[in-house]
Amino acid sequence: MGKMSSNDKILIKNLRIENKIWSSIRLLSEFPTKGWSRSGLDSLLRRIHARGSSKRKVGSGHRRMASTSSGSCAEQWSTHRAFILVVTILDVTDTTGPGA
């Protein structure tokens, strides 16, 4: 199965917009050496029909960075280490827990 290049998508979009009769079956019969799948063409034609473009929606890709509400992971780690240090220095034991 061949992957659709951006040039292939532009060609399919132009053929689809100019001639509404171009379906996935006709595209497969006109370009047999491309190795496209019918389901791939169907989904591409649906996107072209819905949005007028073969491009991906803005913001629909993988997120680049995870955000945290209280800062970066380094800040959280240093806060955790400070807490452990205080507990160790003061020798605080849990007397309010369920086992007390």
N, C-alpha and C. Protein backbone atom coordinates (compact mmCIF):
# COMPACT_ATOMS: atom_id res chain seq x y z
N MET A 1 0.84 -1.16 0.00
CA MET A 1 0.00 0.00 0.00
C MET A 1 0.90 1.23 0.00
N GLY A 2 0.61 2.16 -0.90
CA GLY A 2 1.40 3.36 -1.00
C GLY A 2 0.89 4.46 -0.11
N LYS A 3 1.81 5.26 0.39
CA LYS A 3 1.42 6.39 1.22
C LYS A 3 1.10 7.57 0.32
N MET A 4 0.09 8.34 0.70
CA MET A 4 -0.28 9.51 -0.10
C MET A 4 0.64 10.67 0.25
N SER A 5 1.30 11.20 -0.75
CA SER A 5 2.15 12.37 -0.53
C SER A 5 1.28 13.62 -0.53
N SER A 6 1.88 14.74 -0.17
CA SER A 6 1.12 15.99 -0.17
C SER A 6 0.73 16.38 -1.59
N ASN A 7 1.58 16.05 -2.56
CA ASN A 7 1.23 16.33 -3.96
C ASN A 7 0.05 15.47 -4.41
N ASP A 8 0.00 14.22 -3.96
CA ASP A 8 -1.14 13.37 -4.29
C ASP A 8 -2.42 13.93 -3.70
N LYS A 9 -2.36 14.43 -2.47
CA LYS A 9 -3.54 14.98 -1.83
C LYS A 9 -4.03 16.22 -2.56
N ILE A 10 -3.10 17.06 -3.02
CA ILE A 10 -3.48 18.26 -3.78
C ILE A 10 -4.14 17.86 -5.10
N LEU A 11 -3.58 16.86 -5.78
CA LEU A 11 -4.16 16.37 -7.03
C LEU A 11 -5.57 15.84 -6.81
N ILE A 12 -5.74 15.04 -5.77
CA ILE A 12 -7.06 14.47 -5.47
C ILE A 12 -8.05 15.58 -5.13
N LYS A 13 -7.60 16.56 -4.36
CA LYS A 13 -8.47 17.68 -4.00
C LYS A 13 -8.91 18.44 -5.24
N ASN A 14 -7.98 18.74 -6.15
CA ASN A 14 -8.34 19.47 -7.37
C ASN A 14 -9.28 18.67 -8.26
N LEU A 15 -9.02 17.38 -8.39
CA LEU A 15 -9.91 16.54 -9.21
C LEU A 15 -11.29 16.45 -8.58
N ARG A 16 -11.34 16.37 -7.27
CA ARG A 16 -12.62 16.25 -6.57
C ARG A 16 -13.42 17.55 -6.65
N ILE A 17 -12.76 18.69 -6.52
CA ILE A 17 -13.47 19.97 -6.54
C ILE A 17 -13.93 20.31 -7.96
N GLU A 18 -13.06 20.09 -8.96
CA GLU A 18 -13.42 20.41 -10.34
C GLU A 18 -14.51 19.49 -10.86
N ASN A 19 -14.37 18.20 -10.61
CA ASN A 19 -15.33 17.21 -11.11
C ASN A 19 -15.89 16.46 -9.91
N LYS A 20 -17.09 16.75 -9.53
CA LYS A 20 -17.69 16.11 -8.36
C LYS A 20 -17.89 14.61 -8.55
N ILE A 21 -17.75 14.12 -9.78
CA ILE A 21 -18.02 12.70 -10.02
C ILE A 21 -16.82 11.81 -9.68
N TRP A 22 -15.69 12.38 -9.32
CA TRP A 22 -14.52 11.57 -9.01
C TRP A 22 -14.69 10.97 -7.62
N SER A 23 -14.90 9.68 -7.60
CA SER A 23 -15.03 8.95 -6.33
C SER A 23 -13.74 8.19 -6.05
N SER A 24 -13.71 7.49 -4.94
CA SER A 24 -12.52 6.72 -4.59
C SER A 24 -12.29 5.60 -5.60
N ILE A 25 -13.36 5.00 -6.09
CA ILE A 25 -13.22 3.91 -7.07
C ILE A 25 -12.64 4.43 -8.38
N ARG A 26 -13.11 5.59 -8.81
CA ARG A 26 -12.57 6.16 -10.05
C ARG A 26 -11.12 6.56 -9.87
N LEU A 27 -10.76 7.12 -8.73
CA LEU A 27 -9.37 7.48 -8.48
C LEU A 27 -8.47 6.24 -8.49
N LEU A 28 -8.95 5.16 -7.90
CA LEU A 28 -8.17 3.91 -7.90
C LEU A 28 -8.00 3.37 -9.31
N SER A 29 -9.02 3.49 -10.15
CA SER A 29 -8.92 2.97 -11.51
C SER A 29 -8.05 3.87 -12.40
N GLU A 30 -8.04 5.18 -12.12
CA GLU A 30 -7.23 6.11 -12.92
C GLU A 30 -5.76 6.08 -12.52
N PHE A 31 -5.47 5.78 -11.26
CA PHE A 31 -4.09 5.76 -10.77
C PHE A 31 -3.80 4.40 -10.11
N PRO A 32 -3.73 3.32 -10.88
CA PRO A 32 -3.54 1.99 -10.27
C PRO A 32 -2.13 1.77 -9.70
N THR A 33 -1.14 2.53 -10.16
CA THR A 33 0.23 2.30 -9.71
C THR A 33 0.54 3.00 -8.39
N LYS A 34 -0.36 3.84 -7.92
CA LYS A 34 -0.10 4.57 -6.69
C LYS A 34 -0.18 3.69 -5.45
N GLY A 35 -1.01 2.66 -5.47
CA GLY A 35 -1.12 1.76 -4.34
C GLY A 35 -1.95 2.30 -3.19
N TRP A 36 -2.86 3.23 -3.49
CA TRP A 36 -3.72 3.79 -2.45
C TRP A 36 -4.77 2.77 -2.04
N SER A 37 -5.27 2.90 -0.82
CA SER A 37 -6.37 2.04 -0.38
C SER A 37 -7.68 2.81 -0.53
N ARG A 38 -8.75 2.07 -0.70
CA ARG A 38 -10.05 2.72 -0.88
C ARG A 38 -10.49 3.43 0.40
N SER A 39 -10.24 2.81 1.54
CA SER A 39 -10.64 3.45 2.80
C SER A 39 -9.85 4.73 3.04
N GLY A 40 -8.58 4.74 2.66
CA GLY A 40 -7.77 5.95 2.80
C GLY A 40 -8.29 7.07 1.91
N LEU A 41 -8.65 6.71 0.69
CA LEU A 41 -9.22 7.71 -0.21
C LEU A 41 -10.58 8.20 0.28
N ASP A 42 -11.40 7.28 0.79
CA ASP A 42 -12.71 7.68 1.30
C ASP A 42 -12.58 8.68 2.45
N SER A 43 -11.66 8.43 3.37
CA SER A 43 -11.50 9.35 4.50
C SER A 43 -10.95 10.70 4.03
N LEU A 44 -10.04 10.67 3.05
CA LEU A 44 -9.51 11.92 2.50
C LEU A 44 -10.61 12.71 1.80
N LEU A 45 -11.44 12.03 1.02
CA LEU A 45 -12.54 12.71 0.33
C LEU A 45 -13.56 13.27 1.32
N ARG A 46 -13.78 12.57 2.43
CA ARG A 46 -14.69 13.09 3.46
C ARG A 46 -14.13 14.38 4.07
N ARG A 47 -12.81 14.39 4.34
CA ARG A 47 -12.18 15.60 4.89
C ARG A 47 -12.27 16.76 3.91
N ILE A 48 -12.02 16.48 2.63
CA ILE A 48 -12.09 17.53 1.61
C ILE A 48 -13.51 18.06 1.51
N HIS A 49 -14.50 17.18 1.57
CA HIS A 49 -15.89 17.61 1.48
C HIS A 49 -16.31 18.42 2.71
N ALA A 50 -15.87 18.02 3.88
CA ALA A 50 -16.29 18.69 5.12
C ALA A 50 -15.59 20.03 5.31
N ARG A 51 -14.28 20.09 5.05
CA ARG A 51 -13.50 21.29 5.35
C ARG A 51 -13.02 22.05 4.12
N GLY A 52 -13.06 21.40 2.97
CA GLY A 52 -12.52 22.04 1.78
C GLY A 52 -11.01 21.95 1.71
N SER A 53 -10.42 21.16 2.59
CA SER A 53 -8.97 21.03 2.64
C SER A 53 -8.61 19.61 3.07
N SER A 54 -7.42 19.18 2.68
CA SER A 54 -6.95 17.86 3.09
C SER A 54 -6.03 17.94 4.29
N LYS A 55 -5.83 19.14 4.80
CA LYS A 55 -4.92 19.33 5.93
C LYS A 55 -5.60 18.94 7.23
N ARG A 56 -4.77 18.70 8.23
CA ARG A 56 -5.24 18.33 9.56
C ARG A 56 -5.80 19.56 10.26
N LYS A 57 -6.77 19.35 11.14
CA LYS A 57 -7.32 20.45 11.92
C LYS A 57 -6.24 21.03 12.83
N VAL A 58 -6.32 22.33 13.09
CA VAL A 58 -5.36 22.98 13.97
C VAL A 58 -5.56 22.45 15.39
N GLY A 59 -4.47 22.04 16.01
CA GLY A 59 -4.53 21.55 17.38
C GLY A 59 -4.91 20.09 17.52
N SER A 60 -5.00 19.37 16.40
CA SER A 60 -5.41 17.97 16.50
C SER A 60 -4.24 17.00 16.59
N GLY A 61 -3.03 17.52 16.60
CA GLY A 61 -1.87 16.66 16.67
C GLY A 61 -1.48 16.33 18.09
N HIS A 62 -0.33 15.71 18.25
CA HIS A 62 0.19 15.33 19.55
C HIS A 62 0.67 16.57 20.28
N ARG A 63 0.35 16.69 21.55
CA ARG A 63 0.80 17.84 22.33
C ARG A 63 2.30 17.77 22.54
N ARG A 64 2.94 18.89 22.45
CA ARG A 64 4.39 18.95 22.55
C ARG A 64 4.88 18.93 23.99
N MET A 65 4.15 19.54 24.92
CA MET A 65 4.64 19.63 26.28
C MET A 65 3.46 19.51 27.24
N ALA A 66 3.67 18.75 28.26
CA ALA A 66 2.64 18.63 29.29
C ALA A 66 2.76 19.80 30.24
N SER A 67 1.65 20.35 30.63
CA SER A 67 1.70 21.47 31.55
C SER A 67 1.24 21.01 32.93
N THR A 68 1.84 21.57 33.94
CA THR A 68 1.45 21.25 35.31
C THR A 68 0.95 22.53 35.96
N SER A 69 0.05 22.40 36.90
CA SER A 69 -0.54 23.57 37.52
C SER A 69 0.41 24.25 38.51
N SER A 70 1.31 23.50 39.11
CA SER A 70 2.17 24.09 40.15
C SER A 70 3.61 24.27 39.69
N GLY A 71 3.86 24.32 38.42
CA GLY A 71 5.21 24.58 37.95
C GLY A 71 5.83 23.38 37.29
N SER A 72 7.14 23.47 37.10
CA SER A 72 7.85 22.41 36.40
C SER A 72 8.12 21.23 37.32
N CYS A 73 8.56 20.15 36.71
CA CYS A 73 8.89 18.94 37.47
C CYS A 73 10.07 19.18 38.40
N ALA A 74 11.02 20.02 37.98
CA ALA A 74 12.17 20.31 38.82
C ALA A 74 11.74 21.03 40.10
N GLU A 75 10.78 21.97 39.95
CA GLU A 75 10.29 22.67 41.12
C GLU A 75 9.55 21.71 42.06
N GLN A 76 8.76 20.82 41.51
CA GLN A 76 8.05 19.86 42.34
C GLN A 76 9.01 18.94 43.05
N TRP A 77 10.06 18.50 42.36
CA TRP A 77 11.03 17.61 42.97
C TRP A 77 11.76 18.30 44.11
N SER A 78 12.14 19.58 43.90
CA SER A 78 12.85 20.28 44.97
C SER A 78 11.93 20.51 46.16
N THR A 79 10.64 20.75 45.94
CA THR A 79 9.69 20.89 47.03
C THR A 79 9.56 19.58 47.80
N HIS A 80 9.51 18.47 47.10
CA HIS A 80 9.41 17.17 47.74
C HIS A 80 10.66 16.89 48.58
N ARG A 81 11.82 17.20 48.02
CA ARG A 81 13.06 16.97 48.75
C ARG A 81 13.14 17.83 50.00
N ALA A 82 12.65 19.08 49.91
CA ALA A 82 12.65 19.97 51.08
C ALA A 82 11.72 19.41 52.16
N PHE A 83 10.57 18.88 51.76
CA PHE A 83 9.64 18.30 52.71
C PHE A 83 10.27 17.10 53.42
N ILE A 84 10.92 16.23 52.67
CA ILE A 84 11.58 15.05 53.25
C ILE A 84 12.68 15.49 54.21
N LEU A 85 13.42 16.54 53.84
CA LEU A 85 14.49 17.04 54.70
C LEU A 85 13.93 17.56 56.03
N VAL A 86 12.83 18.30 55.97
CA VAL A 86 12.20 18.82 57.19
C VAL A 86 11.71 17.67 58.06
N VAL A 87 11.08 16.68 57.46
CA VAL A 87 10.58 15.53 58.21
C VAL A 87 11.74 14.79 58.87
N THR A 88 12.84 14.66 58.16
CA THR A 88 13.99 13.95 58.70
C THR A 88 14.63 14.73 59.85
N ILE A 89 14.79 16.03 59.69
CA ILE A 89 15.42 16.85 60.73
C ILE A 89 14.57 16.88 61.99
N LEU A 90 13.28 17.09 61.83
CA LEU A 90 12.40 17.21 62.99
C LEU A 90 11.98 15.86 63.55
N ASP A 91 12.29 14.80 62.83
CA ASP A 91 11.92 13.44 63.23
C ASP A 91 10.42 13.36 63.51
N VAL A 92 9.64 13.84 62.54
CA VAL A 92 8.19 13.86 62.66
C VAL A 92 7.67 12.45 62.34
N THR A 93 6.85 11.96 63.23
CA THR A 93 6.20 10.67 62.98
C THR A 93 4.71 10.93 62.83
N ASP A 94 4.08 10.11 62.08
CA ASP A 94 2.64 10.28 61.80
C ASP A 94 1.84 9.73 62.98
N THR A 95 1.29 10.65 63.78
CA THR A 95 0.47 10.22 64.93
C THR A 95 -1.02 10.45 64.66
N THR A 96 -1.34 11.00 63.51
CA THR A 96 -2.75 11.26 63.20
C THR A 96 -3.30 10.27 62.20
N GLY A 97 -2.54 9.31 61.78
CA GLY A 97 -2.97 8.36 60.76
C GLY A 97 -3.92 7.31 61.27
N PRO A 98 -4.36 6.43 60.44
CA PRO A 98 -5.33 5.42 60.82
C PRO A 98 -4.77 4.39 61.79
N GLY A 99 -3.47 4.22 61.84
CA GLY A 99 -2.89 3.22 62.73
C GLY A 99 -2.59 3.76 64.11
N ALA A 100 -2.84 5.06 64.36
CA ALA A 100 -2.48 5.66 65.66
C ALA A 100 -3.51 5.39 66.71
